[in-house]
Amino acid sequence: VKPLADHGACDLNLKITRAANSGLV
């Protein structure tokens, strides 16, 4: 993840769009 230009918090969101039996992951 590239940092923002300004220092501070940066949220990383991971979205699983396709996964076998994703409910058990």
PDB file of all heavy atoms in Angstrom:
ATOM      1  N   VAL A   1       0.848  -1.187   0.000  1.00  0.00           N
ATOM      2  CA  VAL A   1       0.000   0.000   0.000  1.00  0.00           C
ATOM      3  C   VAL A   1       0.884   1.237   0.000  1.00  0.00           C
ATOM      4  O   VAL A   1       1.702   1.423   0.894  1.00  0.00           O
ATOM      5  CB  VAL A   1      -0.930   0.013   1.227  1.00  0.00           C
ATOM      6  CG1 VAL A   1      -1.850   1.226   1.173  1.00  0.00           C
ATOM      7  CG2 VAL A   1      -1.734  -1.272   1.279  1.00  0.00           C
ATOM      8  N   LYS A   2       0.738   2.079  -0.996  1.00  0.00           N
ATOM      9  CA  LYS A   2       1.494   3.321  -1.037  1.00  0.00           C
ATOM     10  C   LYS A   2       0.956   4.276   0.019  1.00  0.00           C
ATOM     11  O   LYS A   2      -0.262   4.441   0.156  1.00  0.00           O
ATOM     12  CB  LYS A   2       1.383   3.965  -2.418  1.00  0.00           C
ATOM     13  CG  LYS A   2       2.082   3.176  -3.519  1.00  0.00           C
ATOM     14  CD  LYS A   2       1.975   3.902  -4.853  1.00  0.00           C
ATOM     15  CE  LYS A   2       2.708   3.117  -5.938  1.00  0.00           C
ATOM     16  NZ  LYS A   2       2.622   3.813  -7.248  1.00  0.00           N
ATOM     17  N   PRO A   3       1.853   4.938   0.789  1.00  0.00           N
ATOM     18  CA  PRO A   3       1.375   5.869   1.814  1.00  0.00           C
ATOM     19  C   PRO A   3       0.779   7.124   1.188  1.00  0.00           C
ATOM     20  O   PRO A   3       1.115   7.487   0.064  1.00  0.00           O
ATOM     21  CB  PRO A   3       2.635   6.203   2.607  1.00  0.00           C
ATOM     22  CG  PRO A   3       3.736   6.006   1.614  1.00  0.00           C
ATOM     23  CD  PRO A   3       3.316   4.853   0.746  1.00  0.00           C
ATOM     24  N   LEU A   4      -0.129   7.731   1.939  1.00  0.00           N
ATOM     25  CA  LEU A   4      -0.669   9.005   1.504  1.00  0.00           C
ATOM     26  C   LEU A   4       0.401  10.079   1.580  1.00  0.00           C
ATOM     27  O   LEU A   4       1.404   9.930   2.286  1.00  0.00           O
ATOM     28  CB  LEU A   4      -1.862   9.394   2.380  1.00  0.00           C
ATOM     29  CG  LEU A   4      -3.060   8.424   2.350  1.00  0.00           C
ATOM     30  CD1 LEU A   4      -4.123   8.886   3.312  1.00  0.00           C
ATOM     31  CD2 LEU A   4      -3.629   8.319   0.947  1.00  0.00           C
ATOM     32  N   ALA A   5       0.187  11.167   0.878  1.00  0.00           N
ATOM     33  CA  ALA A   5       1.171  12.258   0.884  1.00  0.00           C
ATOM     34  C   ALA A   5       1.326  12.838   2.286  1.00  0.00           C
ATOM     35  O   ALA A   5       2.415  13.163   2.722  1.00  0.00           O
ATOM     36  CB  ALA A   5       0.750  13.333  -0.100  1.00  0.00           C
ATOM     37  N   ASP A   6       0.178  12.931   2.971  1.00  0.00           N
ATOM     38  CA  ASP A   6       0.221  13.441   4.342  1.00  0.00           C
ATOM     39  C   ASP A   6       0.279  12.269   5.314  1.00  0.00           C
ATOM     40  O   ASP A   6      -0.324  11.217   5.081  1.00  0.00           O
ATOM     41  CB  ASP A   6      -1.005  14.300   4.627  1.00  0.00           C
ATOM     42  CG  ASP A   6      -1.060  15.526   3.732  1.00  0.00           C
ATOM     43  OD1 ASP A   6       0.021  16.042   3.406  1.00  0.00           O
ATOM     44  OD2 ASP A   6      -2.176  15.933   3.368  1.00  0.00           O
ATOM     45  N   HIS A   7       0.966  12.457   6.418  1.00  0.00           N
ATOM     46  CA  HIS A   7       1.034  11.411   7.430  1.00  0.00           C
ATOM     47  C   HIS A   7      -0.316  11.287   8.118  1.00  0.00           C
ATOM     48  O   HIS A   7      -1.056  12.232   8.286  1.00  0.00           O
ATOM     49  CB  HIS A   7       2.126  11.750   8.468  1.00  0.00           C
ATOM     50  CG  HIS A   7       3.501  11.705   7.898  1.00  0.00           C
ATOM     51  ND1 HIS A   7       4.129  10.528   7.553  1.00  0.00           N
ATOM     52  CD2 HIS A   7       4.370  12.704   7.579  1.00  0.00           C
ATOM     53  CE1 HIS A   7       5.326  10.797   7.068  1.00  0.00           C
ATOM     54  NE2 HIS A   7       5.501  12.116   7.077  1.00  0.00           N
ATOM     55  N   GLY A   8      -0.642  10.038   8.524  1.00  0.00           N
ATOM     56  CA  GLY A   8      -1.909   9.812   9.230  1.00  0.00           C
ATOM     57  C   GLY A   8      -2.412   8.412   8.974  1.00  0.00           C
ATOM     58  O   GLY A   8      -1.703   7.558   8.442  1.00  0.00           O
ATOM     59  N   ALA A   9      -3.641   8.172   9.365  1.00  0.00           N
ATOM     60  CA  ALA A   9      -4.234   6.840   9.231  1.00  0.00           C
ATOM     61  C   ALA A   9      -4.559   6.536   7.774  1.00  0.00           C
ATOM     62  O   ALA A   9      -4.954   7.405   7.014  1.00  0.00           O
ATOM     63  CB  ALA A   9      -5.510   6.748  10.068  1.00  0.00           C
ATOM     64  N   CYS A  10      -4.390   5.274   7.402  1.00  0.00           N
ATOM     65  CA  CYS A  10      -4.720   4.826   6.058  1.00  0.00           C
ATOM     66  C   CYS A  10      -5.444   3.495   6.168  1.00  0.00           C
ATOM     67  O   CYS A  10      -4.876   2.508   6.640  1.00  0.00           O
ATOM     68  CB  CYS A  10      -3.443   4.674   5.234  1.00  0.00           C
ATOM     69  SG  CYS A  10      -3.736   4.063   3.562  1.00  0.00           S
ATOM     70  N   ASP A  11      -6.724   3.466   5.760  1.00  0.00           N
ATOM     71  CA  ASP A  11      -7.507   2.231   5.839  1.00  0.00           C
ATOM     72  C   ASP A  11      -7.297   1.391   4.587  1.00  0.00           C
ATOM     73  O   ASP A  11      -7.355   1.896   3.469  1.00  0.00           O
ATOM     74  CB  ASP A  11      -9.007   2.542   5.973  1.00  0.00           C
ATOM     75  CG  ASP A  11      -9.333   3.170   7.321  1.00  0.00           C
ATOM     76  OD1 ASP A  11      -8.467   3.110   8.202  1.00  0.00           O
ATOM     77  OD2 ASP A  11     -10.447   3.711   7.470  1.00  0.00           O
ATOM     78  N   LEU A  12      -7.054   0.116   4.795  1.00  0.00           N
ATOM     79  CA  LEU A  12      -6.940  -0.832   3.693  1.00  0.00           C
ATOM     80  C   LEU A  12      -8.162  -1.729   3.725  1.00  0.00           C
ATOM     81  O   LEU A  12      -8.422  -2.398   4.728  1.00  0.00           O
ATOM     82  CB  LEU A  12      -5.661  -1.678   3.839  1.00  0.00           C
ATOM     83  CG  LEU A  12      -5.508  -2.831   2.834  1.00  0.00           C
ATOM     84  CD1 LEU A  12      -5.412  -2.278   1.417  1.00  0.00           C
ATOM     85  CD2 LEU A  12      -4.290  -3.671   3.172  1.00  0.00           C
ATOM     86  N   ASN A  13      -8.926  -1.724   2.637  1.00  0.00           N
ATOM     87  CA  ASN A  13     -10.133  -2.546   2.555  1.00  0.00           C
ATOM     88  C   ASN A  13      -9.917  -3.698   1.588  1.00  0.00           C
ATOM     89  O   ASN A  13      -9.561  -3.491   0.424  1.00  0.00           O
ATOM     90  CB  ASN A  13     -11.326  -1.705   2.077  1.00  0.00           C
ATOM     91  CG  ASN A  13     -11.673  -0.608   3.066  1.00  0.00           C
ATOM     92  OD1 ASN A  13     -11.913  -0.873   4.231  1.00  0.00           O
ATOM     93  ND2 ASN A  13     -11.671   0.626   2.589  1.00  0.00           N
ATOM     94  N   LEU A  14     -10.132  -4.891   2.047  1.00  0.00           N
ATOM     95  CA  LEU A  14     -10.027  -6.084   1.210  1.00  0.00           C
ATOM     96  C   LEU A  14     -11.427  -6.620   0.966  1.00  0.00           C
ATOM     97  O   LEU A  14     -12.143  -6.963   1.901  1.00  0.00           O
ATOM     98  CB  LEU A  14      -9.169  -7.154   1.908  1.00  0.00           C
ATOM     99  CG  LEU A  14      -9.142  -8.536   1.235  1.00  0.00           C
ATOM    100  CD1 LEU A  14      -8.531  -8.426  -0.162  1.00  0.00           C
ATOM    101  CD2 LEU A  14      -8.367  -9.530   2.086  1.00  0.00           C
ATOM    102  N   LYS A  15     -11.820  -6.665  -0.298  1.00  0.00           N
ATOM    103  CA  LYS A  15     -13.143  -7.159  -0.649  1.00  0.00           C
ATOM    104  C   LYS A  15     -12.998  -8.484  -1.403  1.00  0.00           C
ATOM    105  O   LYS A  15     -12.409  -8.541  -2.481  1.00  0.00           O
ATOM    106  CB  LYS A  15     -13.893  -6.146  -1.517  1.00  0.00           C
ATOM    107  CG  LYS A  15     -15.311  -6.578  -1.858  1.00  0.00           C
ATOM    108  CD  LYS A  15     -16.032  -5.479  -2.622  1.00  0.00           C
ATOM    109  CE  LYS A  15     -17.458  -5.900  -2.929  1.00  0.00           C
ATOM    110  NZ  LYS A  15     -18.187  -4.833  -3.667  1.00  0.00           N
ATOM    111  N   ILE A  16     -13.540  -9.550  -0.815  1.00  0.00           N
ATOM    112  CA  ILE A  16     -13.510 -10.859  -1.455  1.00  0.00           C
ATOM    113  C   ILE A  16     -14.739 -10.961  -2.341  1.00  0.00           C
ATOM    114  O   ILE A  16     -15.862 -11.066  -1.856  1.00  0.00           O
ATOM    115  CB  ILE A  16     -13.505 -11.994  -0.407  1.00  0.00           C
ATOM    116  CG1 ILE A  16     -12.304 -11.836   0.546  1.00  0.00           C
ATOM    117  CG2 ILE A  16     -13.486 -13.350  -1.085  1.00  0.00           C
ATOM    118  CD1 ILE A  16     -12.313 -12.799   1.702  1.00  0.00           C
ATOM    119  N   THR A  17     -14.540 -10.923  -3.650  1.00  0.00           N
ATOM    120  CA  THR A  17     -15.686 -10.958  -4.561  1.00  0.00           C
ATOM    121  C   THR A  17     -16.012 -12.375  -5.023  1.00  0.00           C
ATOM    122  O   THR A  17     -17.153 -12.703  -5.295  1.00  0.00           O
ATOM    123  CB  THR A  17     -15.430 -10.081  -5.792  1.00  0.00           C
ATOM    124  OG1 THR A  17     -14.230 -10.513  -6.419  1.00  0.00           O
ATOM    125  CG2 THR A  17     -15.298  -8.625  -5.392  1.00  0.00           C
ATOM    126  N   ARG A  18     -15.009 -13.211  -5.104  1.00  0.00           N
ATOM    127  CA  ARG A  18     -15.256 -14.606  -5.502  1.00  0.00           C
ATOM    128  C   ARG A  18     -14.327 -15.520  -4.691  1.00  0.00           C
ATOM    129  O   ARG A  18     -13.116 -15.402  -4.760  1.00  0.00           O
ATOM    130  CB  ARG A  18     -15.006 -14.821  -6.993  1.00  0.00           C
ATOM    131  CG  ARG A  18     -15.995 -14.092  -7.881  1.00  0.00           C
ATOM    132  CD  ARG A  18     -15.830 -14.527  -9.332  1.00  0.00           C
ATOM    133  NE  ARG A  18     -16.802 -13.837 -10.170  1.00  0.00           N
ATOM    134  CZ  ARG A  18     -18.058 -14.240 -10.353  1.00  0.00           C
ATOM    135  NH1 ARG A  18     -18.481 -15.320  -9.735  1.00  0.00           N
ATOM    136  NH2 ARG A  18     -18.878 -13.576 -11.135  1.00  0.00           N
ATOM    137  N   ALA A  19     -14.916 -16.426  -3.932  1.00  0.00           N
ATOM    138  CA  ALA A  19     -14.116 -17.373  -3.167  1.00  0.00           C
ATOM    139  C   ALA A  19     -14.949 -18.613  -2.898  1.00  0.00           C
ATOM    140  O   ALA A  19     -16.147 -18.524  -2.622  1.00  0.00           O
ATOM    141  CB  ALA A  19     -13.662 -16.752  -1.835  1.00  0.00           C
ATOM    142  N   ALA A  20     -14.357 -19.767  -3.015  1.00  0.00           N
ATOM    143  CA  ALA A  20     -15.084 -21.005  -2.748  1.00  0.00           C
ATOM    144  C   ALA A  20     -15.442 -21.067  -1.270  1.00  0.00           C
ATOM    145  O   ALA A  20     -14.604 -20.890  -0.397  1.00  0.00           O
ATOM    146  CB  ALA A  20     -14.231 -22.209  -3.136  1.00  0.00           C
ATOM    147  N   ASN A  21     -16.720 -21.291  -0.991  1.00  0.00           N
ATOM    148  CA  ASN A  21     -17.191 -21.407   0.401  1.00  0.00           C
ATOM    149  C   ASN A  21     -16.680 -20.257   1.252  1.00  0.00           C
ATOM    150  O   ASN A  21     -16.121 -20.443   2.319  1.00  0.00           O
ATOM    151  CB  ASN A  21     -16.737 -22.752   0.991  1.00  0.00           C
ATOM    152  CG  ASN A  21     -17.580 -23.145   2.197  1.00  0.00           C
ATOM    153  OD1 ASN A  21     -18.615 -22.534   2.462  1.00  0.00           O
ATOM    154  ND2 ASN A  21     -17.145 -24.147   2.922  1.00  0.00           N
ATOM    155  N   SER A  22     -16.897 -19.029   0.746  1.00  0.00           N
ATOM    156  CA  SER A  22     -16.309 -17.857   1.398  1.00  0.00           C
ATOM    157  C   SER A  22     -16.804 -17.666   2.824  1.00  0.00           C
ATOM    158  O   SER A  22     -16.154 -17.044   3.636  1.00  0.00           O
ATOM    159  CB  SER A  22     -16.622 -16.604   0.581  1.00  0.00           C
ATOM    160  OG  SER A  22     -18.014 -16.348   0.593  1.00  0.00           O
ATOM    161  N   GLY A  23     -17.956 -18.226   3.131  1.00  0.00           N
ATOM    162  CA  GLY A  23     -18.473 -18.076   4.495  1.00  0.00           C
ATOM    163  C   GLY A  23     -17.613 -18.732   5.539  1.00  0.00           C
ATOM    164  O   GLY A  23     -17.699 -18.424   6.720  1.00  0.00           O
ATOM    165  N   LEU A  24     -16.765 -19.693   5.131  1.00  0.00           N
ATOM    166  CA  LEU A  24     -15.916 -20.396   6.088  1.00  0.00           C
ATOM    167  C   LEU A  24     -14.498 -19.833   6.147  1.00  0.00           C
ATOM    168  O   LEU A  24     -13.673 -20.319   6.878  1.00  0.00           O
ATOM    169  CB  LEU A  24     -15.854 -21.889   5.723  1.00  0.00           C
ATOM    170  CG  LEU A  24     -17.202 -22.630   5.759  1.00  0.00           C
ATOM    171  CD1 LEU A  24     -17.019 -24.065   5.329  1.00  0.00           C
ATOM    172  CD2 LEU A  24     -17.820 -22.561   7.134  1.00  0.00           C
ATOM    173  N   VAL A  25     -14.226 -18.817   5.339  1.00  0.00           N
ATOM    174  CA  VAL A  25     -12.886 -18.243   5.306  1.00  0.00           C
ATOM    175  C   VAL A  25     -12.711 -17.296   6.491  1.00  0.00           C
ATOM    176  O   VAL A  25     -13.478 -16.362   6.667  1.00  0.00           O
ATOM    177  CB  VAL A  25     -12.642 -17.488   3.984  1.00  0.00           C
ATOM    178  CG1 VAL A  25     -11.284 -16.796   4.018  1.00  0.00           C
ATOM    179  CG2 VAL A  25     -12.706 -18.469   2.823  1.00  0.00           C
TER     180      VAL A  25
END
